[in-house]
């Protein structure tokens, strides 16, 4: 039986990856943009969070803001 929290975490990570592709922003580019929002991220830390699906809600939202997205529809997550 799937774990609900894990499933949502994986969905959020997939959505953020898709948004990065749409915005043509690399993991390194996201790490640089997140610095403007007070995050001390590196390309490796972004890659690890997304590959393990261990992103927090505030990281997800800050990432969307950093790449210029106003939001994401929940039915698309």
PDB file of N, CA and C in Angstrom:
ATOM      1  N   UNK A   1       0.855  -1.174   0.000  1.00  0.00           N
ATOM      2  CA  UNK A   1       0.000   0.000   0.000  1.00  0.00           C
ATOM      3  C   UNK A   1       0.906   1.245   0.000  1.00  0.00           C
ATOM      4  N   UNK A   2       0.646   2.218  -0.888  1.00  0.00           N
ATOM      5  CA  UNK A   2       1.487   3.420  -0.930  1.00  0.00           C
ATOM      6  C   UNK A   2       1.299   4.287   0.317  1.00  0.00           C
ATOM      7  N   UNK A   3       2.358   4.946   0.685  1.00  0.00           N
ATOM      8  CA  UNK A   3       2.314   5.862   1.820  1.00  0.00           C
ATOM      9  C   UNK A   3       1.858   7.217   1.289  1.00  0.00           C
ATOM     10  N   UNK A   4       0.733   7.779   1.779  1.00  0.00           N
ATOM     11  CA  UNK A   4       0.191   9.020   1.223  1.00  0.00           C
ATOM     12  C   UNK A   4       1.179  10.184   1.219  1.00  0.00           C
ATOM     13  N   UNK A   5       1.896  10.401   2.295  1.00  0.00           N
ATOM     14  CA  UNK A   5       2.844  11.513   2.350  1.00  0.00           C
ATOM     15  C   UNK A   5       3.951  11.360   1.319  1.00  0.00           C
ATOM     16  N   UNK A   6       4.451  10.161   1.157  1.00  0.00           N
ATOM     17  CA  UNK A   6       5.517   9.887   0.185  1.00  0.00           C
ATOM     18  C   UNK A   6       5.009  10.129  -1.236  1.00  0.00           C
ATOM     19  N   UNK A   7       3.792   9.701  -1.504  1.00  0.00           N
ATOM     20  CA  UNK A   7       3.212   9.899  -2.831  1.00  0.00           C
ATOM     21  C   UNK A   7       3.097  11.389  -3.152  1.00  0.00           C
ATOM     22  N   UNK A   8       2.636  12.184  -2.203  1.00  0.00           N
ATOM     23  CA  UNK A   8       2.513  13.626  -2.432  1.00  0.00           C
ATOM     24  C   UNK A   8       3.878  14.278  -2.595  1.00  0.00           C
ATOM     25  N   UNK A   9       4.860  13.819  -1.826  1.00  0.00           N
ATOM     26  CA  UNK A   9       6.215  14.360  -1.946  1.00  0.00           C
ATOM     27  C   UNK A   9       6.781  14.084  -3.334  1.00  0.00           C
ATOM     28  N   UNK A  10       6.552  12.884  -3.836  1.00  0.00           N
ATOM     29  CA  UNK A  10       7.028  12.532  -5.165  1.00  0.00           C
ATOM     30  C   UNK A  10       6.317  13.344  -6.243  1.00  0.00           C
ATOM     31  N   UNK A  11       5.026  13.567  -6.065  1.00  0.00           N
ATOM     32  CA  UNK A  11       4.267  14.372  -7.025  1.00  0.00           C
ATOM     33  C   UNK A  11       4.768  15.811  -7.039  1.00  0.00           C
ATOM     34  N   UNK A  12       5.049  16.364  -5.860  1.00  0.00           N
ATOM     35  CA  UNK A  12       5.548  17.738  -5.775  1.00  0.00           C
ATOM     36  C   UNK A  12       6.917  17.857  -6.433  1.00  0.00           C
ATOM     37  N   UNK A  13       7.781  16.874  -6.205  1.00  0.00           N
ATOM     38  CA  UNK A  13       9.117  16.895  -6.814  1.00  0.00           C
ATOM     39  C   UNK A  13       9.013  16.804  -8.333  1.00  0.00           C
ATOM     40  N   UNK A  14       8.139  15.932  -8.831  1.00  0.00           N
ATOM     41  CA  UNK A  14       7.949  15.825 -10.287  1.00  0.00           C
ATOM     42  C   UNK A  14       7.431  17.130 -10.873  1.00  0.00           C
ATOM     43  N   UNK A  15       6.498  17.768 -10.167  1.00  0.00           N
ATOM     44  CA  UNK A  15       5.934  19.034 -10.666  1.00  0.00           C
ATOM     45  C   UNK A  15       7.009  20.102 -10.712  1.00  0.00           C
ATOM     46  N   UNK A  16       7.839  20.187  -9.668  1.00  0.00           N
ATOM     47  CA  UNK A  16       8.891  21.194  -9.651  1.00  0.00           C
ATOM     48  C   UNK A  16       9.894  20.930 -10.769  1.00  0.00           C
ATOM     49  N   UNK A  17      10.241  19.682 -11.008  1.00  0.00           N
ATOM     50  CA  UNK A  17      11.141  19.357 -12.116  1.00  0.00           C
ATOM     51  C   UNK A  17      10.538  19.813 -13.447  1.00  0.00           C
ATOM     52  N   UNK A  18       9.249  19.570 -13.632  1.00  0.00           N
ATOM     53  CA  UNK A  18       8.579  19.989 -14.868  1.00  0.00           C
ATOM     54  C   UNK A  18       8.585  21.509 -15.012  1.00  0.00           C
ATOM     55  N   UNK A  19       8.351  22.206 -13.916  1.00  0.00           N
ATOM     56  CA  UNK A  19       8.359  23.671 -13.969  1.00  0.00           C
ATOM     57  C   UNK A  19       9.747  24.211 -14.284  1.00  0.00           C
ATOM     58  N   UNK A  20      10.783  23.556 -13.771  1.00  0.00           N
ATOM     59  CA  UNK A  20      12.155  23.964 -14.084  1.00  0.00           C
ATOM     60  C   UNK A  20      12.433  23.792 -15.573  1.00  0.00           C
ATOM     61  N   UNK A  21      11.972  22.703 -16.139  1.00  0.00           N
ATOM     62  CA  UNK A  21      12.161  22.471 -17.575  1.00  0.00           C
ATOM     63  C   UNK A  21      11.433  23.536 -18.376  1.00  0.00           C
ATOM     64  N   UNK A  22      10.177  23.814 -18.015  1.00  0.00           N
ATOM     65  CA  UNK A  22       9.409  24.853 -18.721  1.00  0.00           C
ATOM     66  C   UNK A  22      10.091  26.213 -18.652  1.00  0.00           C
ATOM     67  N   UNK A  23      10.669  26.513 -17.503  1.00  0.00           N
ATOM     68  CA  UNK A  23      11.323  27.810 -17.312  1.00  0.00           C
ATOM     69  C   UNK A  23      12.757  27.816 -17.852  1.00  0.00           C
ATOM     70  N   UNK A  24      13.213  26.644 -18.313  1.00  0.00           N
ATOM     71  CA  UNK A  24      14.584  26.495 -18.813  1.00  0.00           C
ATOM     72  C   UNK A  24      15.607  26.912 -17.758  1.00  0.00           C
ATOM     73  N   UNK A  25      15.378  26.425 -16.540  1.00  0.00           N
ATOM     74  CA  UNK A  25      16.254  26.714 -15.402  1.00  0.00           C
ATOM     75  C   UNK A  25      16.883  25.405 -14.944  1.00  0.00           C
ATOM     76  N   UNK A  26      18.192  25.397 -14.820  1.00  0.00           N
ATOM     77  CA  UNK A  26      18.922  24.219 -14.344  1.00  0.00           C
ATOM     78  C   UNK A  26      18.894  24.176 -12.816  1.00  0.00           C
ATOM     79  N   UNK A  27      19.352  23.069 -12.259  1.00  0.00           N
ATOM     80  CA  UNK A  27      19.457  22.974 -10.804  1.00  0.00           C
ATOM     81  C   UNK A  27      20.420  24.028 -10.274  1.00  0.00           C
ATOM     82  N   UNK A  28      21.505  24.244 -10.997  1.00  0.00           N
ATOM     83  CA  UNK A  28      22.469  25.272 -10.599  1.00  0.00           C
ATOM     84  C   UNK A  28      21.820  26.655 -10.656  1.00  0.00           C
ATOM     85  N   UNK A  29      21.047  26.895 -11.709  1.00  0.00           N
ATOM     86  CA  UNK A  29      20.347  28.170 -11.832  1.00  0.00           C
ATOM     87  C   UNK A  29      19.333  28.381 -10.723  1.00  0.00           C
ATOM     88  N   UNK A  30      18.630  27.308 -10.357  1.00  0.00           N
ATOM     89  CA  UNK A  30      17.668  27.411  -9.258  1.00  0.00           C
ATOM     90  C   UNK A  30      18.383  27.725  -7.954  1.00  0.00           C
ATOM     91  N   UNK A  31      19.504  27.059  -7.708  1.00  0.00           N
ATOM     92  CA  UNK A  31      20.265  27.309  -6.470  1.00  0.00           C
ATOM     93  C   UNK A  31      20.674  28.776  -6.392  1.00  0.00           C
ATOM     94  N   UNK A  32      21.121  29.330  -7.510  1.00  0.00           N
ATOM     95  CA  UNK A  32      21.513  30.745  -7.527  1.00  0.00           C
ATOM     96  C   UNK A  32      20.316  31.658  -7.270  1.00  0.00           C
ATOM     97  N   UNK A  33      19.205  31.368  -7.896  1.00  0.00           N
ATOM     98  CA  UNK A  33      17.996  32.193  -7.723  1.00  0.00           C
ATOM     99  C   UNK A  33      17.449  32.093  -6.306  1.00  0.00           C
ATOM    100  N   UNK A  34      17.593  30.925  -5.692  1.00  0.00           N
ATOM    101  CA  UNK A  34      17.085  30.754  -4.330  1.00  0.00           C
ATOM    102  C   UNK A  34      17.875  31.578  -3.314  1.00  0.00           C
ATOM    103  N   UNK A  35      19.109  31.899  -3.636  1.00  0.00           N
ATOM    104  CA  UNK A  35      19.905  32.746  -2.739  1.00  0.00           C
ATOM    105  C   UNK A  35      19.224  34.092  -2.526  1.00  0.00           C
ATOM    106  N   UNK A  36      18.551  34.590  -3.556  1.00  0.00           N
ATOM    107  CA  UNK A  36      17.825  35.857  -3.453  1.00  0.00           C
ATOM    108  C   UNK A  36      16.630  35.748  -2.503  1.00  0.00           C
ATOM    109  N   UNK A  37      16.221  34.528  -2.209  1.00  0.00           N
ATOM    110  CA  UNK A  37      15.093  34.278  -1.303  1.00  0.00           C
ATOM    111  C   UNK A  37      15.561  33.767   0.055  1.00  0.00           C
ATOM    112  N   UNK A  38      16.869  33.864   0.301  1.00  0.00           N
ATOM    113  CA  UNK A  38      17.401  33.499   1.606  1.00  0.00           C
ATOM    114  C   UNK A  38      17.775  32.044   1.787  1.00  0.00           C
ATOM    115  N   UNK A  39      17.816  31.273   0.717  1.00  0.00           N
ATOM    116  CA  UNK A  39      18.173  29.858   0.804  1.00  0.00           C
ATOM    117  C   UNK A  39      19.638  29.681   0.444  1.00  0.00           C
ATOM    118  N   UNK A  40      20.334  28.842   1.180  1.00  0.00           N
ATOM    119  CA  UNK A  40      21.736  28.527   0.895  1.00  0.00           C
ATOM    120  C   UNK A  40      21.782  27.156   0.241  1.00  0.00           C
ATOM    121  N   UNK A  41      21.445  27.105  -1.037  1.00  0.00           N
ATOM    122  CA  UNK A  41      21.398  25.840  -1.763  1.00  0.00           C
ATOM    123  C   UNK A  41      22.534  25.764  -2.771  1.00  0.00           C
ATOM    124  N   UNK A  42      22.880  24.556  -3.125  1.00  0.00           N
ATOM    125  CA  UNK A  42      23.851  24.295  -4.179  1.00  0.00           C
ATOM    126  C   UNK A  42      23.166  23.431  -5.236  1.00  0.00           C
ATOM    127  N   UNK A  43      23.824  23.281  -6.358  1.00  0.00           N
ATOM    128  CA  UNK A  43      23.292  22.404  -7.405  1.00  0.00           C
ATOM    129  C   UNK A  43      23.069  21.005  -6.831  1.00  0.00           C
ATOM    130  N   UNK A  44      24.045  20.514  -6.065  1.00  0.00           N
ATOM    131  CA  UNK A  44      23.953  19.166  -5.486  1.00  0.00           C
ATOM    132  C   UNK A  44      22.806  19.049  -4.489  1.00  0.00           C
ATOM    133  N   UNK A  45      22.600  20.056  -3.661  1.00  0.00           N
ATOM    134  CA  UNK A  45      21.528  19.969  -2.663  1.00  0.00           C
ATOM    135  C   UNK A  45      20.158  20.003  -3.334  1.00  0.00           C
ATOM    136  N   UNK A  46      20.029  20.806  -4.389  1.00  0.00           N
ATOM    137  CA  UNK A  46      18.762  20.844  -5.142  1.00  0.00           C
ATOM    138  C   UNK A  46      18.529  19.482  -5.790  1.00  0.00           C
ATOM    139  N   UNK A  47      19.549  18.945  -6.439  1.00  0.00           N
ATOM    140  CA  UNK A  47      19.432  17.640  -7.104  1.00  0.00           C
ATOM    141  C   UNK A  47      19.061  16.545  -6.106  1.00  0.00           C
ATOM    142  N   UNK A  48      19.689  16.549  -4.939  1.00  0.00           N
ATOM    143  CA  UNK A  48      19.385  15.540  -3.920  1.00  0.00           C
ATOM    144  C   UNK A  48      17.953  15.646  -3.431  1.00  0.00           C
ATOM    145  N   UNK A  49      17.494  16.863  -3.164  1.00  0.00           N
ATOM    146  CA  UNK A  49      16.118  17.043  -2.687  1.00  0.00           C
ATOM    147  C   UNK A  49      15.118  16.552  -3.716  1.00  0.00           C
ATOM    148  N   UNK A  50      15.367  16.877  -4.978  1.00  0.00           N
ATOM    149  CA  UNK A  50      14.417  16.481  -6.013  1.00  0.00           C
ATOM    150  C   UNK A  50      14.489  14.987  -6.318  1.00  0.00           C
ATOM    151  N   UNK A  51      15.666  14.408  -6.306  1.00  0.00           N
ATOM    152  CA  UNK A  51      15.767  12.976  -6.602  1.00  0.00           C
ATOM    153  C   UNK A  51      15.209  12.125  -5.471  1.00  0.00           C
ATOM    154  N   UNK A  52      15.331  12.597  -4.248  1.00  0.00           N
ATOM    155  CA  UNK A  52      14.809  11.853  -3.095  1.00  0.00           C
ATOM    156  C   UNK A  52      13.377  12.243  -2.743  1.00  0.00           C
ATOM    157  N   UNK A  53      12.867  13.285  -3.419  1.00  0.00           N
ATOM    158  CA  UNK A  53      11.526  13.809  -3.134  1.00  0.00           C
ATOM    159  C   UNK A  53      11.419  14.222  -1.673  1.00  0.00           C
ATOM    160  N   UNK A  54      12.425  14.972  -1.212  1.00  0.00           N
ATOM    161  CA  UNK A  54      12.433  15.447   0.172  1.00  0.00           C
ATOM    162  C   UNK A  54      12.358  16.964   0.222  1.00  0.00           C
ATOM    163  N   UNK A  55      11.549  17.547  -0.654  1.00  0.00           N
ATOM    164  CA  UNK A  55      11.415  19.001  -0.649  1.00  0.00           C
ATOM    165  C   UNK A  55      10.319  19.407   0.328  1.00  0.00           C
ATOM    166  N   UNK A  56      10.567  20.487   1.018  1.00  0.00           N
ATOM    167  CA  UNK A  56       9.558  21.013   1.951  1.00  0.00           C
ATOM    168  C   UNK A  56       8.613  21.941   1.185  1.00  0.00           C
ATOM    169  N   UNK A  57       7.510  22.257   1.819  1.00  0.00           N
ATOM    170  CA  UNK A  57       6.550  23.168   1.197  1.00  0.00           C
ATOM    171  C   UNK A  57       7.190  24.530   0.954  1.00  0.00           C
ATOM    172  N   UNK A  58       7.985  25.026   1.913  1.00  0.00           N
ATOM    173  CA  UNK A  58       8.582  26.352   1.717  1.00  0.00           C
ATOM    174  C   UNK A  58       9.641  26.320   0.616  1.00  0.00           C
ATOM    175  N   UNK A  59      10.347  25.212   0.450  1.00  0.00           N
ATOM    176  CA  UNK A  59      11.302  25.091  -0.649  1.00  0.00           C
ATOM    177  C   UNK A  59      10.565  25.067  -1.984  1.00  0.00           C
ATOM    178  N   UNK A  60       9.470  24.320  -2.053  1.00  0.00           N
ATOM    179  CA  UNK A  60       8.658  24.231  -3.260  1.00  0.00           C
ATOM    180  C   UNK A  60       8.141  25.610  -3.664  1.00  0.00           C
ATOM    181  N   UNK A  61       7.560  26.319  -2.714  1.00  0.00           N
ATOM    182  CA  UNK A  61       6.995  27.647  -3.008  1.00  0.00           C
ATOM    183  C   UNK A  61       8.076  28.660  -3.371  1.00  0.00           C
ATOM    184  N   UNK A  62       9.185  28.653  -2.646  1.00  0.00           N
ATOM    185  CA  UNK A  62      10.283  29.571  -2.955  1.00  0.00           C
ATOM    186  C   UNK A  62      10.866  29.270  -4.326  1.00  0.00           C
ATOM    187  N   UNK A  63      10.928  27.996  -4.679  1.00  0.00           N
ATOM    188  CA  UNK A  63      11.440  27.621  -5.993  1.00  0.00           C
ATOM    189  C   UNK A  63      10.533  28.134  -7.100  1.00  0.00           C
ATOM    190  N   UNK A  64       9.236  28.002  -6.912  1.00  0.00           N
ATOM    191  CA  UNK A  64       8.295  28.533  -7.902  1.00  0.00           C
ATOM    192  C   UNK A  64       8.468  30.042  -8.045  1.00  0.00           C
ATOM    193  N   UNK A  65       8.591  30.733  -6.929  1.00  0.00           N
ATOM    194  CA  UNK A  65       8.794  32.188  -6.973  1.00  0.00           C
ATOM    195  C   UNK A  65      10.112  32.529  -7.656  1.00  0.00           C
ATOM    196  N   UNK A  66      11.149  31.750  -7.378  1.00  0.00           N
ATOM    197  CA  UNK A  66      12.474  32.022  -7.933  1.00  0.00           C
ATOM    198  C   UNK A  66      12.513  31.871  -9.448  1.00  0.00           C
ATOM    199  N   UNK A  67      11.665  31.008  -9.990  1.00  0.00           N
ATOM    200  CA  UNK A  67      11.657  30.829 -11.436  1.00  0.00           C
ATOM    201  C   UNK A  67      10.525  31.610 -12.111  1.00  0.00           C
ATOM    202  N   UNK A  68       9.856  32.437 -11.322  1.00  0.00           N
ATOM    203  CA  UNK A  68       8.848  33.326 -11.883  1.00  0.00           C
ATOM    204  C   UNK A  68       7.476  32.724 -12.087  1.00  0.00           C
ATOM    205  N   UNK A  69       7.188  31.656 -11.395  1.00  0.00           N
ATOM    206  CA  UNK A  69       5.858  31.049 -11.488  1.00  0.00           C
ATOM    207  C   UNK A  69       4.973  31.633 -10.399  1.00  0.00           C
ATOM    208  N   UNK A  70       3.750  31.944 -10.761  1.00  0.00           N
ATOM    209  CA  UNK A  70       2.809  32.497  -9.791  1.00  0.00           C
ATOM    210  C   UNK A  70       2.203  31.415  -8.909  1.00  0.00           C
ATOM    211  N   UNK A  71       2.231  30.205  -9.382  1.00  0.00           N
ATOM    212  CA  UNK A  71       1.657  29.111  -8.625  1.00  0.00           C
ATOM    213  C   UNK A  71       1.519  27.889  -9.506  1.00  0.00           C
ATOM    214  N   UNK A  72       0.847  26.917  -8.999  1.00  0.00           N
ATOM    215  CA  UNK A  72       0.622  25.679  -9.737  1.00  0.00           C
ATOM    216  C   UNK A  72      -0.755  25.161  -9.351  1.00  0.00           C
ATOM    217  N   UNK A  73      -1.465  24.664 -10.336  1.00  0.00           N
ATOM    218  CA  UNK A  73      -2.786  24.101 -10.059  1.00  0.00           C
ATOM    219  C   UNK A  73      -2.635  22.756  -9.364  1.00  0.00           C
ATOM    220  N   UNK A  74      -3.406  22.539  -8.339  1.00  0.00           N
ATOM    221  CA  UNK A  74      -3.294  21.291  -7.578  1.00  0.00           C
ATOM    222  C   UNK A  74      -3.687  20.079  -8.408  1.00  0.00           C
ATOM    223  N   UNK A  75      -4.594  20.263  -9.369  1.00  0.00           N
ATOM    224  CA  UNK A  75      -4.957  19.108 -10.188  1.00  0.00           C
ATOM    225  C   UNK A  75      -3.845  18.749 -11.169  1.00  0.00           C
ATOM    226  N   UNK A  76      -2.803  19.580 -11.253  1.00  0.00           N
ATOM    227  CA  UNK A  76      -1.638  19.287 -12.090  1.00  0.00           C
ATOM    228  C   UNK A  76      -0.488  18.692 -11.300  1.00  0.00           C
ATOM    229  N   UNK A  77      -0.663  18.549 -10.001  1.00  0.00           N
ATOM    230  CA  UNK A  77       0.416  18.009  -9.158  1.00  0.00           C
ATOM    231  C   UNK A  77       0.280  16.514  -9.049  1.00  0.00           C
TER     232      UNK A  77
END
